[in-house]
Amino acid sequence: MKYKTFNYKNNKNCSFKVGNYQNNPQSMAIVIVDSKGEEITRVTVNMPDYFYSPNTASIKNYLENSGMTKFLNKLGVIEEVYSQRKANPFATQTETIDFCEINVEEIKKYSSKFNYEFGY
């Protein structure tokens, strides 16, 4: 399957790998991989206390992923940001975990591997 690639930080020809967290089949897991398929960064975090609905994800928008939500918005991957919460009690206002609706059709266009299926 042919997919679009994107540049992420100093990496060219990147893509997403999308699936589910093994311990939470309702939570979407997204990673960015380089042109060789090696993981660059994990885009999402699994929040066990969150109520996930289909096509939602918790975006890790802190530390090495600072600006991730903005980046995904630019690609058209995020439909809506439902909520933002500080990553931890000592985090700044911009270090957040962002609960978002994902545009599945758009993320598929950039995915070298897409195995996400909302589990019950």
N, C-alpha and C. Protein backbone atom coordinates (compact mmCIF):
# COMPACT_ATOMS: atom_id res chain seq x y z
N MET A 1 0.84 -1.18 0.00
CA MET A 1 0.00 0.00 0.00
C MET A 1 0.89 1.25 0.00
N LYS A 2 0.57 2.18 -0.84
CA LYS A 2 1.32 3.44 -0.93
C LYS A 2 0.73 4.42 0.09
N TYR A 3 1.61 5.13 0.76
CA TYR A 3 1.18 6.12 1.76
C TYR A 3 2.03 7.38 1.61
N LYS A 4 1.47 8.49 2.10
CA LYS A 4 2.20 9.75 2.10
C LYS A 4 3.22 9.72 3.24
N THR A 5 4.30 10.46 3.07
CA THR A 5 5.27 10.60 4.15
C THR A 5 5.32 12.06 4.58
N PHE A 6 5.95 12.30 5.71
CA PHE A 6 6.08 13.66 6.24
C PHE A 6 7.44 13.78 6.91
N ASN A 7 7.84 15.01 7.14
CA ASN A 7 9.07 15.28 7.87
C ASN A 7 8.71 15.59 9.31
N TYR A 8 9.44 14.98 10.23
CA TYR A 8 9.22 15.24 11.66
C TYR A 8 10.57 15.58 12.29
N LYS A 9 10.67 16.80 12.77
CA LYS A 9 11.91 17.34 13.32
C LYS A 9 13.03 17.14 12.30
N ASN A 10 14.08 16.41 12.61
CA ASN A 10 15.20 16.24 11.67
C ASN A 10 15.08 14.96 10.84
N ASN A 11 13.91 14.35 10.83
CA ASN A 11 13.70 13.08 10.14
C ASN A 11 12.83 13.29 8.90
N LYS A 12 13.27 12.75 7.80
CA LYS A 12 12.53 12.86 6.54
C LYS A 12 11.85 11.53 6.23
N ASN A 13 10.78 11.61 5.43
CA ASN A 13 10.05 10.42 4.96
C ASN A 13 9.54 9.55 6.10
N CYS A 14 8.91 10.19 7.07
CA CYS A 14 8.34 9.50 8.23
C CYS A 14 6.91 9.05 7.93
N SER A 15 6.44 8.13 8.74
CA SER A 15 5.05 7.67 8.64
C SER A 15 4.57 7.29 10.04
N PHE A 16 3.29 6.98 10.13
CA PHE A 16 2.71 6.53 11.40
C PHE A 16 2.55 5.02 11.37
N LYS A 17 2.62 4.42 12.55
CA LYS A 17 2.15 3.06 12.78
C LYS A 17 1.05 3.21 13.82
N VAL A 18 -0.11 2.68 13.50
CA VAL A 18 -1.29 2.89 14.35
C VAL A 18 -1.87 1.53 14.75
N GLY A 19 -2.17 1.40 16.02
CA GLY A 19 -2.77 0.17 16.53
C GLY A 19 -3.49 0.47 17.83
N ASN A 20 -3.59 -0.54 18.67
CA ASN A 20 -4.23 -0.42 19.97
C ASN A 20 -3.21 -0.75 21.05
N TYR A 21 -3.40 -0.17 22.22
CA TYR A 21 -2.59 -0.58 23.37
C TYR A 21 -3.04 -1.97 23.78
N GLN A 22 -2.08 -2.83 24.03
CA GLN A 22 -2.37 -4.22 24.36
C GLN A 22 -3.21 -4.34 25.63
N ASN A 23 -2.92 -3.51 26.62
CA ASN A 23 -3.65 -3.60 27.89
C ASN A 23 -4.92 -2.76 27.92
N ASN A 24 -5.23 -2.06 26.80
CA ASN A 24 -6.45 -1.26 26.71
C ASN A 24 -6.89 -1.20 25.25
N PRO A 25 -7.68 -2.16 24.80
CA PRO A 25 -8.05 -2.23 23.38
C PRO A 25 -8.91 -1.07 22.89
N GLN A 26 -9.35 -0.20 23.79
CA GLN A 26 -10.11 0.96 23.36
C GLN A 26 -9.21 2.17 23.08
N SER A 27 -7.97 2.10 23.50
CA SER A 27 -7.05 3.22 23.38
C SER A 27 -6.19 3.09 22.11
N MET A 28 -6.21 4.14 21.29
CA MET A 28 -5.43 4.15 20.04
C MET A 28 -3.96 4.43 20.36
N ALA A 29 -3.08 3.62 19.80
CA ALA A 29 -1.63 3.79 19.96
C ALA A 29 -1.05 4.25 18.62
N ILE A 30 -0.32 5.36 18.66
CA ILE A 30 0.28 5.92 17.44
C ILE A 30 1.76 6.17 17.70
N VAL A 31 2.61 5.73 16.77
CA VAL A 31 4.03 6.04 16.82
C VAL A 31 4.44 6.63 15.48
N ILE A 32 5.49 7.44 15.51
CA ILE A 32 6.10 7.95 14.28
C ILE A 32 7.34 7.12 14.04
N VAL A 33 7.47 6.61 12.80
CA VAL A 33 8.64 5.82 12.43
C VAL A 33 9.38 6.49 11.28
N ASP A 34 10.67 6.20 11.18
CA ASP A 34 11.46 6.75 10.09
C ASP A 34 11.30 5.91 8.83
N SER A 35 12.03 6.23 7.78
CA SER A 35 11.90 5.55 6.50
C SER A 35 12.28 4.07 6.57
N LYS A 36 13.01 3.67 7.61
CA LYS A 36 13.40 2.26 7.80
C LYS A 36 12.40 1.52 8.69
N GLY A 37 11.39 2.24 9.18
CA GLY A 37 10.39 1.63 10.05
C GLY A 37 10.77 1.62 11.52
N GLU A 38 11.85 2.34 11.87
CA GLU A 38 12.28 2.39 13.26
C GLU A 38 11.58 3.53 13.99
N GLU A 39 11.16 3.24 15.22
CA GLU A 39 10.40 4.22 16.01
C GLU A 39 11.23 5.45 16.34
N ILE A 40 10.65 6.61 16.06
CA ILE A 40 11.26 7.90 16.41
C ILE A 40 10.67 8.37 17.73
N THR A 41 9.34 8.35 17.81
CA THR A 41 8.67 8.79 19.03
C THR A 41 7.28 8.18 19.12
N ARG A 42 6.83 8.01 20.34
CA ARG A 42 5.46 7.55 20.61
C ARG A 42 4.59 8.79 20.72
N VAL A 43 3.59 8.89 19.88
CA VAL A 43 2.71 10.06 19.80
C VAL A 43 1.70 10.07 20.93
N THR A 44 1.24 8.91 21.34
CA THR A 44 0.14 8.79 22.30
C THR A 44 0.61 8.22 23.63
N VAL A 45 -0.23 8.40 24.63
CA VAL A 45 -0.07 7.75 25.93
C VAL A 45 -1.39 7.07 26.25
N ASN A 46 -1.31 5.96 26.95
CA ASN A 46 -2.52 5.25 27.37
C ASN A 46 -2.91 5.78 28.74
N MET A 47 -4.11 6.29 28.82
CA MET A 47 -4.63 6.83 30.08
C MET A 47 -5.71 5.86 30.58
N PRO A 48 -5.37 4.95 31.49
CA PRO A 48 -6.31 3.91 31.90
C PRO A 48 -7.60 4.43 32.53
N ASP A 49 -7.58 5.65 33.05
CA ASP A 49 -8.78 6.20 33.68
C ASP A 49 -9.66 6.99 32.70
N TYR A 50 -9.25 7.06 31.44
CA TYR A 50 -10.04 7.78 30.43
C TYR A 50 -11.10 6.86 29.84
N PHE A 51 -12.22 7.46 29.48
CA PHE A 51 -13.27 6.74 28.76
C PHE A 51 -13.05 7.01 27.27
N TYR A 52 -12.52 6.02 26.57
CA TYR A 52 -12.25 6.18 25.14
C TYR A 52 -13.47 5.79 24.32
N SER A 53 -13.69 6.55 23.28
CA SER A 53 -14.71 6.21 22.30
C SER A 53 -13.96 5.95 20.98
N PRO A 54 -14.65 5.43 19.97
CA PRO A 54 -13.96 5.15 18.71
C PRO A 54 -13.26 6.41 18.15
N ASN A 55 -12.07 6.19 17.61
CA ASN A 55 -11.29 7.23 16.93
C ASN A 55 -10.83 8.36 17.84
N THR A 56 -10.56 8.03 19.10
CA THR A 56 -10.01 9.02 20.02
C THR A 56 -8.64 8.56 20.50
N ALA A 57 -7.82 9.53 20.87
CA ALA A 57 -6.48 9.21 21.37
C ALA A 57 -6.03 10.28 22.35
N SER A 58 -5.12 9.90 23.23
CA SER A 58 -4.50 10.82 24.18
C SER A 58 -3.11 11.16 23.64
N ILE A 59 -2.93 12.40 23.21
CA ILE A 59 -1.69 12.83 22.58
C ILE A 59 -0.69 13.29 23.64
N LYS A 60 0.51 12.75 23.55
CA LYS A 60 1.60 13.15 24.44
C LYS A 60 2.19 14.44 23.89
N ASN A 61 1.87 15.55 24.52
CA ASN A 61 2.27 16.88 24.06
C ASN A 61 3.24 17.51 25.07
N TYR A 62 4.28 16.77 25.43
CA TYR A 62 5.27 17.26 26.39
C TYR A 62 6.60 16.55 26.17
N LEU A 63 7.63 17.05 26.85
CA LEU A 63 9.01 16.56 26.71
C LEU A 63 9.42 16.53 25.24
N GLU A 64 9.93 15.38 24.77
CA GLU A 64 10.39 15.31 23.38
C GLU A 64 9.24 15.49 22.38
N ASN A 65 8.01 15.39 22.82
CA ASN A 65 6.84 15.54 21.95
C ASN A 65 6.21 16.92 22.05
N SER A 66 6.91 17.86 22.59
CA SER A 66 6.38 19.22 22.70
C SER A 66 5.95 19.72 21.32
N GLY A 67 4.72 20.21 21.23
CA GLY A 67 4.18 20.69 19.95
C GLY A 67 3.53 19.62 19.10
N MET A 68 3.39 18.41 19.63
CA MET A 68 2.83 17.29 18.84
C MET A 68 1.41 17.57 18.39
N THR A 69 0.56 18.09 19.25
CA THR A 69 -0.83 18.34 18.87
C THR A 69 -0.89 19.34 17.72
N LYS A 70 -0.10 20.38 17.79
CA LYS A 70 -0.05 21.37 16.72
C LYS A 70 0.42 20.72 15.42
N PHE A 71 1.43 19.87 15.50
CA PHE A 71 1.95 19.16 14.33
C PHE A 71 0.87 18.28 13.69
N LEU A 72 0.15 17.52 14.51
CA LEU A 72 -0.91 16.64 14.00
C LEU A 72 -2.05 17.44 13.40
N ASN A 73 -2.36 18.57 14.00
CA ASN A 73 -3.38 19.47 13.45
C ASN A 73 -3.00 19.92 12.05
N LYS A 74 -1.74 20.29 11.90
CA LYS A 74 -1.23 20.76 10.61
C LYS A 74 -1.37 19.68 9.52
N LEU A 75 -1.16 18.41 9.90
CA LEU A 75 -1.32 17.30 8.95
C LEU A 75 -2.79 16.98 8.67
N GLY A 76 -3.70 17.51 9.48
CA GLY A 76 -5.12 17.22 9.33
C GLY A 76 -5.55 15.95 10.02
N VAL A 77 -4.71 15.44 10.91
CA VAL A 77 -4.97 14.18 11.60
C VAL A 77 -5.94 14.36 12.78
N ILE A 78 -5.96 15.55 13.38
CA ILE A 78 -6.85 15.80 14.53
C ILE A 78 -8.10 16.52 14.04
N GLU A 79 -9.24 15.95 14.40
CA GLU A 79 -10.54 16.57 14.11
C GLU A 79 -10.87 17.62 15.16
N GLU A 80 -10.67 17.24 16.44
CA GLU A 80 -11.05 18.13 17.53
C GLU A 80 -10.25 17.78 18.78
N VAL A 81 -9.86 18.80 19.54
CA VAL A 81 -9.23 18.58 20.83
C VAL A 81 -10.35 18.71 21.87
N TYR A 82 -10.67 17.59 22.52
CA TYR A 82 -11.76 17.60 23.51
C TYR A 82 -11.32 18.23 24.83
N SER A 83 -10.11 17.89 25.26
CA SER A 83 -9.62 18.44 26.53
C SER A 83 -8.10 18.37 26.58
N GLN A 84 -7.55 19.23 27.43
CA GLN A 84 -6.11 19.25 27.67
C GLN A 84 -5.92 19.24 29.18
N ARG A 85 -4.96 18.43 29.63
CA ARG A 85 -4.65 18.47 31.05
C ARG A 85 -3.13 18.44 31.21
N LYS A 86 -2.66 19.09 32.25
CA LYS A 86 -1.23 19.13 32.50
C LYS A 86 -0.68 17.71 32.62
N ALA A 87 0.50 17.48 32.06
CA ALA A 87 1.09 16.15 32.05
C ALA A 87 1.38 15.63 33.46
N ASN A 88 1.70 16.55 34.36
CA ASN A 88 1.92 16.21 35.76
C ASN A 88 1.77 17.48 36.59
N PRO A 89 1.72 17.38 37.89
CA PRO A 89 1.48 18.57 38.71
C PRO A 89 2.53 19.67 38.55
N PHE A 90 3.74 19.33 38.12
CA PHE A 90 4.81 20.30 38.00
C PHE A 90 5.00 20.80 36.57
N ALA A 91 4.18 20.31 35.66
CA ALA A 91 4.29 20.68 34.24
C ALA A 91 3.85 22.12 34.02
N THR A 92 4.37 22.72 32.95
CA THR A 92 3.92 24.05 32.56
C THR A 92 2.56 23.91 31.87
N GLN A 93 1.94 25.03 31.57
CA GLN A 93 0.62 25.01 30.91
C GLN A 93 0.68 24.41 29.51
N THR A 94 1.85 24.39 28.89
CA THR A 94 1.97 23.85 27.53
C THR A 94 2.41 22.38 27.51
N GLU A 95 2.74 21.82 28.67
CA GLU A 95 3.11 20.40 28.76
C GLU A 95 1.84 19.62 29.12
N THR A 96 1.18 19.13 28.09
CA THR A 96 -0.16 18.57 28.29
C THR A 96 -0.33 17.18 27.68
N ILE A 97 -1.39 16.54 28.13
CA ILE A 97 -1.92 15.34 27.50
C ILE A 97 -3.24 15.80 26.90
N ASP A 98 -3.35 15.69 25.59
CA ASP A 98 -4.50 16.23 24.87
C ASP A 98 -5.39 15.09 24.37
N PHE A 99 -6.62 15.08 24.83
CA PHE A 99 -7.59 14.06 24.44
C PHE A 99 -8.27 14.54 23.16
N CYS A 100 -8.09 13.79 22.07
CA CYS A 100 -8.49 14.27 20.75
C CYS A 100 -9.29 13.25 19.95
N GLU A 101 -10.11 13.79 19.05
CA GLU A 101 -10.75 12.96 18.03
C GLU A 101 -9.80 12.92 16.84
N ILE A 102 -9.52 11.71 16.38
CA ILE A 102 -8.59 11.50 15.27
C ILE A 102 -9.37 11.31 13.98
N ASN A 103 -8.93 11.98 12.93
CA ASN A 103 -9.49 11.79 11.59
C ASN A 103 -8.85 10.52 11.03
N VAL A 104 -9.52 9.41 11.16
CA VAL A 104 -8.96 8.11 10.80
C VAL A 104 -8.62 8.03 9.31
N GLU A 105 -9.47 8.57 8.47
CA GLU A 105 -9.18 8.52 7.03
C GLU A 105 -7.92 9.30 6.70
N GLU A 106 -7.69 10.40 7.41
CA GLU A 106 -6.49 11.21 7.15
C GLU A 106 -5.22 10.54 7.68
N ILE A 107 -5.30 9.97 8.88
CA ILE A 107 -4.10 9.33 9.43
C ILE A 107 -3.73 8.08 8.62
N LYS A 108 -4.71 7.41 8.06
CA LYS A 108 -4.44 6.23 7.21
C LYS A 108 -3.58 6.62 6.01
N LYS A 109 -3.78 7.82 5.48
CA LYS A 109 -3.01 8.28 4.32
C LYS A 109 -1.52 8.37 4.63
N TYR A 110 -1.18 8.58 5.90
CA TYR A 110 0.21 8.74 6.33
C TYR A 110 0.74 7.52 7.09
N SER A 111 0.00 6.42 7.06
CA SER A 111 0.36 5.25 7.88
C SER A 111 0.99 4.14 7.05
N SER A 112 2.19 3.73 7.47
CA SER A 112 2.83 2.57 6.85
C SER A 112 2.22 1.29 7.40
N LYS A 113 1.60 1.39 8.56
CA LYS A 113 0.91 0.26 9.18
C LYS A 113 -0.29 0.79 9.94
N PHE A 114 -1.47 0.25 9.67
CA PHE A 114 -2.68 0.70 10.35
C PHE A 114 -3.46 -0.54 10.80
N ASN A 115 -3.42 -0.80 12.11
CA ASN A 115 -4.13 -1.97 12.66
C ASN A 115 -5.05 -1.57 13.80
N TYR A 116 -5.51 -0.33 13.80
CA TYR A 116 -6.40 0.12 14.87
C TYR A 116 -7.81 -0.38 14.63
N GLU A 117 -8.37 -0.92 15.69
CA GLU A 117 -9.78 -1.31 15.68
C GLU A 117 -10.29 -1.10 17.10
N PHE A 118 -11.35 -0.32 17.24
CA PHE A 118 -11.87 -0.03 18.58
C PHE A 118 -12.38 -1.33 19.21
N GLY A 119 -11.86 -1.66 20.38
CA GLY A 119 -12.25 -2.88 21.07
C GLY A 119 -13.26 -2.61 22.17
N TYR A 120 -14.01 -3.62 22.50
CA TYR A 120 -15.01 -3.51 23.58
C TYR A 120 -14.66 -4.39 24.73
